[in-house]
Amino acid sequence: MIGGSFFELESLPVFREHDGILVRTVLHDWSDEEAIDILRTLRQRIGSLTHVTVLLSEVVVEAKDPLAVKFFLDLHMKISFHHAKERYLSQWKHIIEASGFTLVNVHMIRAVSSILELRPV
């Protein structure tokens, strides 16, 4: 675990090829624009490395989920964090691509969260 600010390049560690980076339940606390900024800062820090894997542990709301589930999760997030929200896969793809990554895989696990596997573009 490393402390610092997601928004400040200097607070992130220097990465090497084949490093794995776990970002666990962070991005749902932020607006789309702020989530993109966080991932862009991470992408900048990764630099020209091509064999780095980023794992996001976040809720991926499925289209088949009842709207009540998404509403409840969003309501809980908005009470806790002003701009927070849970996102559909299409919304995650937009954030991921806008920040300089590509989505490699989505690992649905036996938990509320899923694991989104990213690679730098």
PDB file of N, CA and C in Angstrom:
ATOM      1  N   MET A   1       0.847  -1.153   0.000  1.00  0.00           N
ATOM      2  CA  MET A   1       0.000   0.000   0.000  1.00  0.00           C
ATOM      3  C   MET A   1       0.905   1.232   0.000  1.00  0.00           C
ATOM      4  N   ILE A   2       0.537   2.201  -0.833  1.00  0.00           N
ATOM      5  CA  ILE A   2       1.341   3.412  -0.972  1.00  0.00           C
ATOM      6  C   ILE A   2       0.434   4.614  -0.774  1.00  0.00           C
ATOM      7  N   GLY A   3       0.846   5.530   0.076  1.00  0.00           N
ATOM      8  CA  GLY A   3       0.070   6.738   0.316  1.00  0.00           C
ATOM      9  C   GLY A   3       0.389   7.809  -0.708  1.00  0.00           C
ATOM     10  N   GLY A   4      -0.432   8.836  -0.740  1.00  0.00           N
ATOM     11  CA  GLY A   4      -0.206   9.933  -1.664  1.00  0.00           C
ATOM     12  C   GLY A   4      -1.496  10.351  -2.325  1.00  0.00           C
ATOM     13  N   SER A   5      -1.361  11.174  -3.328  1.00  0.00           N
ATOM     14  CA  SER A   5      -2.532  11.665  -4.057  1.00  0.00           C
ATOM     15  C   SER A   5      -2.585  11.037  -5.440  1.00  0.00           C
ATOM     16  N   PHE A   6      -3.771  10.575  -5.809  1.00  0.00           N
ATOM     17  CA  PHE A   6      -3.960  10.016  -7.149  1.00  0.00           C
ATOM     18  C   PHE A   6      -3.783  11.072  -8.229  1.00  0.00           C
ATOM     19  N   PHE A   7      -3.927  12.328  -7.856  1.00  0.00           N
ATOM     20  CA  PHE A   7      -3.894  13.411  -8.827  1.00  0.00           C
ATOM     21  C   PHE A   7      -2.500  13.990  -9.035  1.00  0.00           C
ATOM     22  N   GLU A   8      -1.534  13.586  -8.207  1.00  0.00           N
ATOM     23  CA  GLU A   8      -0.178  14.115  -8.291  1.00  0.00           C
ATOM     24  C   GLU A   8       0.782  13.036  -8.779  1.00  0.00           C
ATOM     25  N   LEU A   9       1.341  13.265  -9.939  1.00  0.00           N
ATOM     26  CA  LEU A   9       2.236  12.304 -10.577  1.00  0.00           C
ATOM     27  C   LEU A   9       3.380  11.904  -9.641  1.00  0.00           C
ATOM     28  N   GLU A  10       3.935  12.866  -8.931  1.00  0.00           N
ATOM     29  CA  GLU A  10       5.098  12.607  -8.083  1.00  0.00           C
ATOM     30  C   GLU A  10       4.783  11.710  -6.897  1.00  0.00           C
ATOM     31  N   SER A  11       3.506  11.631  -6.485  1.00  0.00           N
ATOM     32  CA  SER A  11       3.202  10.774  -5.346  1.00  0.00           C
ATOM     33  C   SER A  11       3.038   9.310  -5.718  1.00  0.00           C
ATOM     34  N   LEU A  12       2.995   9.019  -7.000  1.00  0.00           N
ATOM     35  CA  LEU A  12       2.877   7.622  -7.435  1.00  0.00           C
ATOM     36  C   LEU A  12       4.264   6.998  -7.546  1.00  0.00           C
ATOM     37  N   PRO A  13       4.367   5.694  -7.284  1.00  0.00           N
ATOM     38  CA  PRO A  13       5.685   5.040  -7.387  1.00  0.00           C
ATOM     39  C   PRO A  13       6.137   4.939  -8.843  1.00  0.00           C
ATOM     40  N   VAL A  14       7.413   4.661  -9.021  1.00  0.00           N
ATOM     41  CA  VAL A  14       7.944   4.394 -10.355  1.00  0.00           C
ATOM     42  C   VAL A  14       7.669   2.921 -10.650  1.00  0.00           C
ATOM     43  N   PHE A  15       7.054   2.670 -11.787  1.00  0.00           N
ATOM     44  CA  PHE A  15       6.699   1.303 -12.153  1.00  0.00           C
ATOM     45  C   PHE A  15       7.741   0.712 -13.094  1.00  0.00           C
ATOM     46  N   ARG A  16       7.769  -0.628 -13.135  1.00  0.00           N
ATOM     47  CA  ARG A  16       8.655  -1.357 -14.044  1.00  0.00           C
ATOM     48  C   ARG A  16       7.816  -2.323 -14.877  1.00  0.00           C
ATOM     49  N   GLU A  17       8.403  -2.794 -15.970  1.00  0.00           N
ATOM     50  CA  GLU A  17       7.715  -3.784 -16.804  1.00  0.00           C
ATOM     51  C   GLU A  17       7.262  -4.965 -15.951  1.00  0.00           C
ATOM     52  N   HIS A  18       6.085  -5.464 -16.263  1.00  0.00           N
ATOM     53  CA  HIS A  18       5.468  -6.631 -15.619  1.00  0.00           C
ATOM     54  C   HIS A  18       4.967  -6.355 -14.208  1.00  0.00           C
ATOM     55  N   ASP A  19       4.913  -5.094 -13.821  1.00  0.00           N
ATOM     56  CA  ASP A  19       4.303  -4.754 -12.537  1.00  0.00           C
ATOM     57  C   ASP A  19       2.794  -4.913 -12.637  1.00  0.00           C
ATOM     58  N   GLY A  20       2.186  -5.191 -11.519  1.00  0.00           N
ATOM     59  CA  GLY A  20       0.738  -5.220 -11.407  1.00  0.00           C
ATOM     60  C   GLY A  20       0.308  -4.133 -10.433  1.00  0.00           C
ATOM     61  N   ILE A  21      -0.736  -3.415 -10.785  1.00  0.00           N
ATOM     62  CA  ILE A  21      -1.222  -2.316  -9.964  1.00  0.00           C
ATOM     63  C   ILE A  21      -2.682  -2.597  -9.623  1.00  0.00           C
ATOM     64  N   LEU A  22      -2.994  -2.641  -8.346  1.00  0.00           N
ATOM     65  CA  LEU A  22      -4.368  -2.872  -7.902  1.00  0.00           C
ATOM     66  C   LEU A  22      -4.949  -1.561  -7.395  1.00  0.00           C
ATOM     67  N   VAL A  23      -6.058  -1.152  -8.002  1.00  0.00           N
ATOM     68  CA  VAL A  23      -6.791   0.038  -7.579  1.00  0.00           C
ATOM     69  C   VAL A  23      -8.144  -0.484  -7.102  1.00  0.00           C
ATOM     70  N   ARG A  24      -8.298  -0.543  -5.783  1.00  0.00           N
ATOM     71  CA  ARG A  24      -9.453  -1.232  -5.209  1.00  0.00           C
ATOM     72  C   ARG A  24     -10.470  -0.246  -4.644  1.00  0.00           C
ATOM     73  N   THR A  25     -11.657  -0.286  -5.207  1.00  0.00           N
ATOM     74  CA  THR A  25     -12.814   0.512  -4.779  1.00  0.00           C
ATOM     75  C   THR A  25     -12.451   1.973  -4.530  1.00  0.00           C
ATOM     76  N   VAL A  26     -11.830   2.562  -5.531  1.00  0.00           N
ATOM     77  CA  VAL A  26     -11.438   3.971  -5.460  1.00  0.00           C
ATOM     78  C   VAL A  26     -12.275   4.805  -6.415  1.00  0.00           C
ATOM     79  N   LEU A  27     -12.367   4.370  -7.662  1.00  0.00           N
ATOM     80  CA  LEU A  27     -12.930   5.220  -8.711  1.00  0.00           C
ATOM     81  C   LEU A  27     -14.416   5.466  -8.562  1.00  0.00           C
ATOM     82  N   HIS A  28     -15.142   4.573  -7.899  1.00  0.00           N
ATOM     83  CA  HIS A  28     -16.582   4.801  -7.744  1.00  0.00           C
ATOM     84  C   HIS A  28     -16.885   5.971  -6.806  1.00  0.00           C
ATOM     85  N   ASP A  29     -15.865   6.427  -6.090  1.00  0.00           N
ATOM     86  CA  ASP A  29     -16.032   7.571  -5.195  1.00  0.00           C
ATOM     87  C   ASP A  29     -15.957   8.911  -5.923  1.00  0.00           C
ATOM     88  N   TRP A  30     -15.645   8.885  -7.210  1.00  0.00           N
ATOM     89  CA  TRP A  30     -15.358  10.101  -7.963  1.00  0.00           C
ATOM     90  C   TRP A  30     -16.275  10.225  -9.177  1.00  0.00           C
ATOM     91  N   SER A  31     -16.437  11.452  -9.659  1.00  0.00           N
ATOM     92  CA  SER A  31     -17.191  11.695 -10.895  1.00  0.00           C
ATOM     93  C   SER A  31     -16.441  11.064 -12.065  1.00  0.00           C
ATOM     94  N   ASP A  32     -17.092  10.985 -13.220  1.00  0.00           N
ATOM     95  CA  ASP A  32     -16.432  10.444 -14.410  1.00  0.00           C
ATOM     96  C   ASP A  32     -15.172  11.229 -14.740  1.00  0.00           C
ATOM     97  N   GLU A  33     -15.260  12.559 -14.696  1.00  0.00           N
ATOM     98  CA  GLU A  33     -14.115  13.405 -15.045  1.00  0.00           C
ATOM     99  C   GLU A  33     -12.953  13.181 -14.085  1.00  0.00           C
ATOM    100  N   GLU A  34     -13.261  13.076 -12.785  1.00  0.00           N
ATOM    101  CA  GLU A  34     -12.206  12.855 -11.795  1.00  0.00           C
ATOM    102  C   GLU A  34     -11.618  11.452 -11.910  1.00  0.00           C
ATOM    103  N   ALA A  35     -12.460  10.460 -12.213  1.00  0.00           N
ATOM    104  CA  ALA A  35     -11.966   9.093 -12.404  1.00  0.00           C
ATOM    105  C   ALA A  35     -11.021   9.038 -13.598  1.00  0.00           C
ATOM    106  N   ILE A  36     -11.369   9.757 -14.668  1.00  0.00           N
ATOM    107  CA  ILE A  36     -10.492   9.833 -15.842  1.00  0.00           C
ATOM    108  C   ILE A  36      -9.177  10.515 -15.462  1.00  0.00           C
ATOM    109  N   ASP A  37      -9.243  11.585 -14.690  1.00  0.00           N
ATOM    110  CA  ASP A  37      -8.023  12.275 -14.246  1.00  0.00           C
ATOM    111  C   ASP A  37      -7.128  11.344 -13.426  1.00  0.00           C
ATOM    112  N   ILE A  38      -7.717  10.571 -12.529  1.00  0.00           N
ATOM    113  CA  ILE A  38      -6.944   9.637 -11.702  1.00  0.00           C
ATOM    114  C   ILE A  38      -6.233   8.621 -12.590  1.00  0.00           C
ATOM    115  N   LEU A  39      -6.976   8.013 -13.521  1.00  0.00           N
ATOM    116  CA  LEU A  39      -6.358   7.012 -14.397  1.00  0.00           C
ATOM    117  C   LEU A  39      -5.354   7.638 -15.359  1.00  0.00           C
ATOM    118  N   ARG A  40      -5.601   8.864 -15.819  1.00  0.00           N
ATOM    119  CA  ARG A  40      -4.626   9.542 -16.692  1.00  0.00           C
ATOM    120  C   ARG A  40      -3.314   9.788 -15.957  1.00  0.00           C
ATOM    121  N   THR A  41      -3.395  10.160 -14.689  1.00  0.00           N
ATOM    122  CA  THR A  41      -2.181  10.363 -13.895  1.00  0.00           C
ATOM    123  C   THR A  41      -1.429   9.043 -13.757  1.00  0.00           C
ATOM    124  N   LEU A  42      -2.154   7.961 -13.487  1.00  0.00           N
ATOM    125  CA  LEU A  42      -1.538   6.641 -13.409  1.00  0.00           C
ATOM    126  C   LEU A  42      -0.914   6.269 -14.750  1.00  0.00           C
ATOM    127  N   ARG A  43      -1.636   6.550 -15.838  1.00  0.00           N
ATOM    128  CA  ARG A  43      -1.122   6.240 -17.181  1.00  0.00           C
ATOM    129  C   ARG A  43       0.153   7.025 -17.475  1.00  0.00           C
ATOM    130  N   GLN A  44       0.180   8.287 -17.073  1.00  0.00           N
ATOM    131  CA  GLN A  44       1.395   9.101 -17.257  1.00  0.00           C
ATOM    132  C   GLN A  44       2.562   8.497 -16.498  1.00  0.00           C
ATOM    133  N   ARG A  45       2.297   8.045 -15.284  1.00  0.00           N
ATOM    134  CA  ARG A  45       3.369   7.487 -14.463  1.00  0.00           C
ATOM    135  C   ARG A  45       3.888   6.187 -15.052  1.00  0.00           C
ATOM    136  N   ILE A  46       3.035   5.413 -15.683  1.00  0.00           N
ATOM    137  CA  ILE A  46       3.456   4.169 -16.335  1.00  0.00           C
ATOM    138  C   ILE A  46       4.364   4.488 -17.520  1.00  0.00           C
ATOM    139  N   GLY A  47       4.099   5.616 -18.176  1.00  0.00           N
ATOM    140  CA  GLY A  47       4.964   6.066 -19.274  1.00  0.00           C
ATOM    141  C   GLY A  47       4.975   5.121 -20.456  1.00  0.00           C
ATOM    142  N   SER A  48       6.169   4.803 -20.952  1.00  0.00           N
ATOM    143  CA  SER A  48       6.299   3.995 -22.170  1.00  0.00           C
ATOM    144  C   SER A  48       6.274   2.498 -21.903  1.00  0.00           C
ATOM    145  N   LEU A  49       6.104   2.097 -20.658  1.00  0.00           N
ATOM    146  CA  LEU A  49       6.030   0.661 -20.346  1.00  0.00           C
ATOM    147  C   LEU A  49       4.792   0.060 -21.005  1.00  0.00           C
ATOM    148  N   THR A  50       4.927  -1.141 -21.534  1.00  0.00           N
ATOM    149  CA  THR A  50       3.804  -1.768 -22.245  1.00  0.00           C
ATOM    150  C   THR A  50       3.300  -3.041 -21.569  1.00  0.00           C
ATOM    151  N   HIS A  51       4.065  -3.581 -20.631  1.00  0.00           N
ATOM    152  CA  HIS A  51       3.684  -4.831 -19.981  1.00  0.00           C
ATOM    153  C   HIS A  51       3.348  -4.610 -18.507  1.00  0.00           C
ATOM    154  N   VAL A  52       2.509  -3.631 -18.266  1.00  0.00           N
ATOM    155  CA  VAL A  52       2.019  -3.344 -16.921  1.00  0.00           C
ATOM    156  C   VAL A  52       0.527  -3.648 -16.918  1.00  0.00           C
ATOM    157  N   THR A  53       0.061  -4.328 -15.886  1.00  0.00           N
ATOM    158  CA  THR A  53      -1.356  -4.647 -15.771  1.00  0.00           C
ATOM    159  C   THR A  53      -1.951  -3.840 -14.619  1.00  0.00           C
ATOM    160  N   VAL A  54      -3.066  -3.196 -14.900  1.00  0.00           N
ATOM    161  CA  VAL A  54      -3.805  -2.468 -13.871  1.00  0.00           C
ATOM    162  C   VAL A  54      -5.092  -3.243 -13.619  1.00  0.00           C
ATOM    163  N   LEU A  55      -5.348  -3.543 -12.364  1.00  0.00           N
ATOM    164  CA  LEU A  55      -6.575  -4.228 -11.975  1.00  0.00           C
ATOM    165  C   LEU A  55      -7.431  -3.256 -11.174  1.00  0.00           C
ATOM    166  N   LEU A  56      -8.629  -3.000 -11.680  1.00  0.00           N
ATOM    167  CA  LEU A  56      -9.590  -2.168 -10.965  1.00  0.00           C
ATOM    168  C   LEU A  56     -10.594  -3.098 -10.296  1.00  0.00           C
ATOM    169  N   SER A  57     -10.756  -2.969  -9.006  1.00  0.00           N
ATOM    170  CA  SER A  57     -11.783  -3.716  -8.288  1.00  0.00           C
ATOM    171  C   SER A  57     -12.932  -2.740  -8.051  1.00  0.00           C
ATOM    172  N   GLU A  58     -13.971  -2.879  -8.853  1.00  0.00           N
ATOM    173  CA  GLU A  58     -15.101  -1.946  -8.813  1.00  0.00           C
ATOM    174  C   GLU A  58     -16.393  -2.688  -9.126  1.00  0.00           C
ATOM    175  N   VAL A  59     -17.497  -2.099  -8.754  1.00  0.00           N
ATOM    176  CA  VAL A  59     -18.807  -2.648  -9.110  1.00  0.00           C
ATOM    177  C   VAL A  59     -19.053  -2.392 -10.589  1.00  0.00           C
ATOM    178  N   VAL A  60     -19.455  -3.423 -11.296  1.00  0.00           N
ATOM    179  CA  VAL A  60     -19.899  -3.291 -12.683  1.00  0.00           C
ATOM    180  C   VAL A  60     -21.370  -3.679 -12.688  1.00  0.00           C
ATOM    181  N   VAL A  61     -22.235  -2.693 -12.836  1.00  0.00           N
ATOM    182  CA  VAL A  61     -23.667  -2.955 -12.859  1.00  0.00           C
ATOM    183  C   VAL A  61     -24.000  -3.610 -14.190  1.00  0.00           C
ATOM    184  N   GLU A  62     -24.658  -4.732 -14.137  1.00  0.00           N
ATOM    185  CA  GLU A  62     -25.024  -5.440 -15.358  1.00  0.00           C
ATOM    186  C   GLU A  62     -26.401  -4.984 -15.832  1.00  0.00           C
ATOM    187  N   ALA A  63     -26.583  -4.978 -17.143  1.00  0.00           N
ATOM    188  CA  ALA A  63     -27.860  -4.551 -17.730  1.00  0.00           C
ATOM    189  C   ALA A  63     -29.018  -5.401 -17.222  1.00  0.00           C
ATOM    190  N   LYS A  64     -28.745  -6.661 -16.885  1.00  0.00           N
ATOM    191  CA  LYS A  64     -29.827  -7.545 -16.415  1.00  0.00           C
ATOM    192  C   LYS A  64     -30.177  -7.315 -14.953  1.00  0.00           C
ATOM    193  N   ASP A  65     -29.326  -6.549 -14.236  1.00  0.00           N
ATOM    194  CA  ASP A  65     -29.629  -6.235 -12.840  1.00  0.00           C
ATOM    195  C   ASP A  65     -30.883  -5.374 -12.784  1.00  0.00           C
ATOM    196  N   PRO A  66     -31.707  -5.600 -11.799  1.00  0.00           N
ATOM    197  CA  PRO A  66     -32.875  -4.728 -11.659  1.00  0.00           C
ATOM    198  C   PRO A  66     -32.432  -3.283 -11.431  1.00  0.00           C
ATOM    199  N   LEU A  67     -33.169  -2.356 -12.002  1.00  0.00           N
ATOM    200  CA  LEU A  67     -32.843  -0.939 -11.824  1.00  0.00           C
ATOM    201  C   LEU A  67     -32.834  -0.560 -10.350  1.00  0.00           C
ATOM    202  N   ALA A  68     -33.608  -1.247  -9.547  1.00  0.00           N
ATOM    203  CA  ALA A  68     -33.644  -0.957  -8.112  1.00  0.00           C
ATOM    204  C   ALA A  68     -32.273  -1.174  -7.473  1.00  0.00           C
ATOM    205  N   VAL A  69     -31.529  -2.185  -7.950  1.00  0.00           N
ATOM    206  CA  VAL A  69     -30.200  -2.453  -7.405  1.00  0.00           C
ATOM    207  C   VAL A  69     -29.277  -1.284  -7.711  1.00  0.00           C
ATOM    208  N   LYS A  70     -29.271  -0.838  -8.975  1.00  0.00           N
ATOM    209  CA  LYS A  70     -28.426   0.306  -9.343  1.00  0.00           C
ATOM    210  C   LYS A  70     -28.868   1.550  -8.588  1.00  0.00           C
ATOM    211  N   PHE A  71     -30.148   1.765  -8.474  1.00  0.00           N
ATOM    212  CA  PHE A  71     -30.646   2.932  -7.754  1.00  0.00           C
ATOM    213  C   PHE A  71     -30.165   2.907  -6.301  1.00  0.00           C
ATOM    214  N   PHE A  72     -30.275   1.755  -5.642  1.00  0.00           N
ATOM    215  CA  PHE A  72     -29.849   1.636  -4.251  1.00  0.00           C
ATOM    216  C   PHE A  72     -28.350   1.889  -4.120  1.00  0.00           C
ATOM    217  N   LEU A  73     -27.557   1.292  -5.001  1.00  0.00           N
ATOM    218  CA  LEU A  73     -26.108   1.492  -4.937  1.00  0.00           C
ATOM    219  C   LEU A  73     -25.744   2.950  -5.193  1.00  0.00           C
ATOM    220  N   ASP A  74     -26.375   3.570  -6.197  1.00  0.00           N
ATOM    221  CA  ASP A  74     -26.111   4.977  -6.480  1.00  0.00           C
ATOM    222  C   ASP A  74     -26.531   5.874  -5.322  1.00  0.00           C
ATOM    223  N   LEU A  75     -27.681   5.594  -4.737  1.00  0.00           N
ATOM    224  CA  LEU A  75     -28.164   6.394  -3.615  1.00  0.00           C
ATOM    225  C   LEU A  75     -27.188   6.299  -2.441  1.00  0.00           C
ATOM    226  N   HIS A  76     -26.752   5.090  -2.157  1.00  0.00           N
ATOM    227  CA  HIS A  76     -25.773   4.900  -1.082  1.00  0.00           C
ATOM    228  C   HIS A  76     -24.492   5.683  -1.371  1.00  0.00           C
ATOM    229  N   MET A  77     -24.008   5.631  -2.602  1.00  0.00           N
ATOM    230  CA  MET A  77     -22.778   6.330  -2.965  1.00  0.00           C
ATOM    231  C   MET A  77     -22.962   7.841  -2.884  1.00  0.00           C
ATOM    232  N   LYS A  78     -24.097   8.354  -3.326  1.00  0.00           N
ATOM    233  CA  LYS A  78     -24.329   9.804  -3.300  1.00  0.00           C
ATOM    234  C   LYS A  78     -24.452  10.335  -1.869  1.00  0.00           C
ATOM    235  N   ILE A  79     -24.993   9.529  -0.984  1.00  0.00           N
ATOM    236  CA  ILE A  79     -25.067   9.938   0.416  1.00  0.00           C
ATOM    237  C   ILE A  79     -23.652   9.979   1.010  1.00  0.00           C
ATOM    238  N   SER A  80     -22.841   9.011   0.644  1.00  0.00           N
ATOM    239  CA  SER A  80     -21.490   8.914   1.194  1.00  0.00           C
ATOM    240  C   SER A  80     -20.512   9.882   0.532  1.00  0.00           C
ATOM    241  N   PHE A  81     -20.605   9.997  -0.798  1.00  0.00           N
ATOM    242  CA  PHE A  81     -19.673  10.807  -1.582  1.00  0.00           C
ATOM    243  C   PHE A  81     -20.485  11.553  -2.635  1.00  0.00           C
ATOM    244  N   HIS A  82     -20.359  12.858  -2.683  1.00  0.00           N
ATOM    245  CA  HIS A  82     -21.222  13.706  -3.508  1.00  0.00           C
ATOM    246  C   HIS A  82     -21.298  13.286  -4.982  1.00  0.00           C
ATOM    247  N   HIS A  83     -20.185  13.022  -5.629  1.00  0.00           N
ATOM    248  CA  HIS A  83     -20.189  12.729  -7.067  1.00  0.00           C
ATOM    249  C   HIS A  83     -20.074  11.234  -7.372  1.00  0.00           C
ATOM    250  N   ALA A  84     -20.140  10.407  -6.366  1.00  0.00           N
ATOM    251  CA  ALA A  84     -19.901   8.984  -6.551  1.00  0.00           C
ATOM    252  C   ALA A  84     -21.077   8.289  -7.231  1.00  0.00           C
ATOM    253  N   LYS A  85     -20.736   7.195  -7.924  1.00  0.00           N
ATOM    254  CA  LYS A  85     -21.794   6.385  -8.541  1.00  0.00           C
ATOM    255  C   LYS A  85     -21.227   5.047  -8.969  1.00  0.00           C
ATOM    256  N   GLU A  86     -22.114   4.081  -9.090  1.00  0.00           N
ATOM    257  CA  GLU A  86     -21.747   2.795  -9.666  1.00  0.00           C
ATOM    258  C   GLU A  86     -21.996   2.886 -11.167  1.00  0.00           C
ATOM    259  N   ARG A  87     -21.254   2.099 -11.944  1.00  0.00           N
ATOM    260  CA  ARG A  87     -21.290   2.276 -13.395  1.00  0.00           C
ATOM    261  C   ARG A  87     -21.551   0.961 -14.129  1.00  0.00           C
ATOM    262  N   TYR A  88     -22.196   1.122 -15.287  1.00  0.00           N
ATOM    263  CA  TYR A  88     -22.354   0.009 -16.228  1.00  0.00           C
ATOM    264  C   TYR A  88     -21.028  -0.213 -16.946  1.00  0.00           C
ATOM    265  N   LEU A  89     -20.868  -1.379 -17.555  1.00  0.00           N
ATOM    266  CA  LEU A  89     -19.636  -1.696 -18.273  1.00  0.00           C
ATOM    267  C   LEU A  89     -19.347  -0.657 -19.356  1.00  0.00           C
ATOM    268  N   SER A  90     -20.361  -0.203 -20.064  1.00  0.00           N
ATOM    269  CA  SER A  90     -20.144   0.794 -21.115  1.00  0.00           C
ATOM    270  C   SER A  90     -19.576   2.093 -20.534  1.00  0.00           C
ATOM    271  N   GLN A  91     -20.001   2.453 -19.337  1.00  0.00           N
ATOM    272  CA  GLN A  91     -19.469   3.656 -18.690  1.00  0.00           C
ATOM    273  C   GLN A  91     -18.018   3.440 -18.261  1.00  0.00           C
ATOM    274  N   TRP A  92     -17.703   2.249 -17.761  1.00  0.00           N
ATOM    275  CA  TRP A  92     -16.315   1.942 -17.403  1.00  0.00           C
ATOM    276  C   TRP A  92     -15.426   1.983 -18.644  1.00  0.00           C
ATOM    277  N   LYS A  93     -15.916   1.419 -19.755  1.00  0.00           N
ATOM    278  CA  LYS A  93     -15.121   1.428 -20.992  1.00  0.00           C
ATOM    279  C   LYS A  93     -14.786   2.852 -21.414  1.00  0.00           C
ATOM    280  N   HIS A  94     -15.747   3.743 -21.319  1.00  0.00           N
ATOM    281  CA  HIS A  94     -15.511   5.149 -21.686  1.00  0.00           C
ATOM    282  C   HIS A  94     -14.401   5.745 -20.811  1.00  0.00           C
ATOM    283  N   ILE A  95     -14.483   5.549 -19.526  1.00  0.00           N
ATOM    284  CA  ILE A  95     -13.486   6.091 -18.591  1.00  0.00           C
ATOM    285  C   ILE A  95     -12.107   5.489 -18.881  1.00  0.00           C
ATOM    286  N   ILE A  96     -12.065   4.191 -19.082  1.00  0.00           N
ATOM    287  CA  ILE A  96     -10.804   3.482 -19.325  1.00  0.00           C
ATOM    288  C   ILE A  96     -10.155   3.969 -20.619  1.00  0.00           C
ATOM    289  N   GLU A  97     -10.926   4.030 -21.690  1.00  0.00           N
ATOM    290  CA  GLU A  97     -10.375   4.444 -22.984  1.00  0.00           C
ATOM    291  C   GLU A  97      -9.982   5.920 -22.991  1.00  0.00           C
ATOM    292  N   ALA A  98     -10.748   6.758 -22.314  1.00  0.00           N
ATOM    293  CA  ALA A  98     -10.449   8.193 -22.257  1.00  0.00           C
ATOM    294  C   ALA A  98      -9.178   8.483 -21.470  1.00  0.00           C
ATOM    295  N   SER A  99      -8.740   7.526 -20.674  1.00  0.00           N
ATOM    296  CA  SER A  99      -7.563   7.748 -19.844  1.00  0.00           C
ATOM    297  C   SER A  99      -6.302   7.078 -20.378  1.00  0.00           C
ATOM    298  N   GLY A 100      -6.382   6.461 -21.562  1.00  0.00           N
ATOM    299  CA  GLY A 100      -5.179   5.894 -22.185  1.00  0.00           C
ATOM    300  C   GLY A 100      -4.937   4.430 -21.900  1.00  0.00           C
ATOM    301  N   PHE A 101      -5.987   3.718 -21.526  1.00  0.00           N
ATOM    302  CA  PHE A 101      -5.885   2.278 -21.291  1.00  0.00           C
ATOM    303  C   PHE A 101      -6.844   1.543 -22.216  1.00  0.00           C
ATOM    304  N   THR A 102      -6.657   0.250 -22.300  1.00  0.00           N
ATOM    305  CA  THR A 102      -7.611  -0.603 -22.988  1.00  0.00           C
ATOM    306  C   THR A 102      -8.089  -1.663 -21.996  1.00  0.00           C
ATOM    307  N   LEU A 103      -9.354  -2.018 -22.115  1.00  0.00           N
ATOM    308  CA  LEU A 103      -9.926  -3.050 -21.255  1.00  0.00           C
ATOM    309  C   LEU A 103      -9.598  -4.409 -21.856  1.00  0.00           C
ATOM    310  N   VAL A 104      -8.860  -5.214 -21.101  1.00  0.00           N
ATOM    311  CA  VAL A 104      -8.437  -6.537 -21.569  1.00  0.00           C
ATOM    312  C   VAL A 104      -9.472  -7.596 -21.211  1.00  0.00           C
ATOM    313  N   ASN A 105      -9.986  -7.508 -19.985  1.00  0.00           N
ATOM    314  CA  ASN A 105     -10.918  -8.529 -19.522  1.00  0.00           C
ATOM    315  C   ASN A 105     -11.707  -7.999 -18.326  1.00  0.00           C
ATOM    316  N   VAL A 106     -12.878  -8.563 -18.129  1.00  0.00           N
ATOM    317  CA  VAL A 106     -13.667  -8.296 -16.927  1.00  0.00           C
ATOM    318  C   VAL A 106     -13.848  -9.633 -16.228  1.00  0.00           C
ATOM    319  N   HIS A 107     -13.359  -9.707 -15.007  1.00  0.00           N
ATOM    320  CA  HIS A 107     -13.456 -10.934 -14.222  1.00  0.00           C
ATOM    321  C   HIS A 107     -14.602 -10.757 -13.225  1.00  0.00           C
ATOM    322  N   MET A 108     -15.696 -11.452 -13.487  1.00  0.00           N
ATOM    323  CA  MET A 108     -16.829 -11.436 -12.571  1.00  0.00           C
ATOM    324  C   MET A 108     -16.528 -12.458 -11.480  1.00  0.00           C
ATOM    325  N   ILE A 109     -16.464 -11.996 -10.255  1.00  0.00           N
ATOM    326  CA  ILE A 109     -16.127 -12.872  -9.145  1.00  0.00           C
ATOM    327  C   ILE A 109     -17.316 -12.960  -8.194  1.00  0.00           C
ATOM    328  N   ARG A 110     -17.231 -13.823  -7.228  1.00  0.00           N
ATOM    329  CA  ARG A 110     -18.332 -13.993  -6.261  1.00  0.00           C
ATOM    330  C   ARG A 110     -18.264 -12.897  -5.205  1.00  0.00           C
ATOM    331  N   ALA A 111     -18.510 -11.701  -5.648  1.00  0.00           N
ATOM    332  CA  ALA A 111     -18.482 -10.537  -4.763  1.00  0.00           C
ATOM    333  C   ALA A 111     -19.293  -9.442  -5.432  1.00  0.00           C
ATOM    334  N   VAL A 112     -19.530  -8.372  -4.729  1.00  0.00           N
ATOM    335  CA  VAL A 112     -20.233  -7.240  -5.322  1.00  0.00           C
ATOM    336  C   VAL A 112     -19.374  -6.616  -6.414  1.00  0.00           C
ATOM    337  N   SER A 113     -18.064  -6.564  -6.172  1.00  0.00           N
ATOM    338  CA  SER A 113     -17.139  -5.978  -7.147  1.00  0.00           C
ATOM    339  C   SER A 113     -16.752  -6.988  -8.212  1.00  0.00           C
ATOM    340  N   SER A 114     -16.286  -6.455  -9.327  1.00  0.00           N
ATOM    341  CA  SER A 114     -15.664  -7.242 -10.387  1.00  0.00           C
ATOM    342  C   SER A 114     -14.236  -6.742 -10.535  1.00  0.00           C
ATOM    343  N   ILE A 115     -13.428  -7.476 -11.279  1.00  0.00           N
ATOM    344  CA  ILE A 115     -12.058  -7.057 -11.544  1.00  0.00           C
ATOM    345  C   ILE A 115     -11.967  -6.689 -13.022  1.00  0.00           C
ATOM    346  N   LEU A 116     -11.654  -5.420 -13.280  1.00  0.00           N
ATOM    347  CA  LEU A 116     -11.455  -4.949 -14.648  1.00  0.00           C
ATOM    348  C   LEU A 116      -9.954  -4.927 -14.908  1.00  0.00           C
ATOM    349  N   GLU A 117      -9.521  -5.661 -15.910  1.00  0.00           N
ATOM    350  CA  GLU A 117      -8.095  -5.797 -16.231  1.00  0.00           C
ATOM    351  C   GLU A 117      -7.753  -4.842 -17.365  1.00  0.00           C
ATOM    352  N   LEU A 118      -6.799  -3.946 -17.111  1.00  0.00           N
ATOM    353  CA  LEU A 118      -6.423  -2.916 -18.083  1.00  0.00           C
ATOM    354  C   LEU A 118      -4.973  -3.035 -18.473  1.00  0.00           C
ATOM    355  N   ARG A 119      -4.683  -2.552 -19.676  1.00  0.00           N
ATOM    356  CA  ARG A 119      -3.304  -2.400 -20.152  1.00  0.00           C
ATOM    357  C   ARG A 119      -3.159  -1.029 -20.761  1.00  0.00           C
ATOM    358  N   PRO A 120      -1.957  -0.448 -20.654  1.00  0.00           N
ATOM    359  CA  PRO A 120      -1.749   0.863 -21.274  1.00  0.00           C
ATOM    360  C   PRO A 120      -1.756   0.739 -22.793  1.00  0.00           C
ATOM    361  N   VAL A 121      -2.268   1.788 -23.435  1.00  0.00           N
ATOM    362  CA  VAL A 121      -2.279   1.822 -24.904  1.00  0.00           C
ATOM    363  C   VAL A 121      -1.055   2.574 -25.363  1.00  0.00           C
TER     364      VAL A 121
END
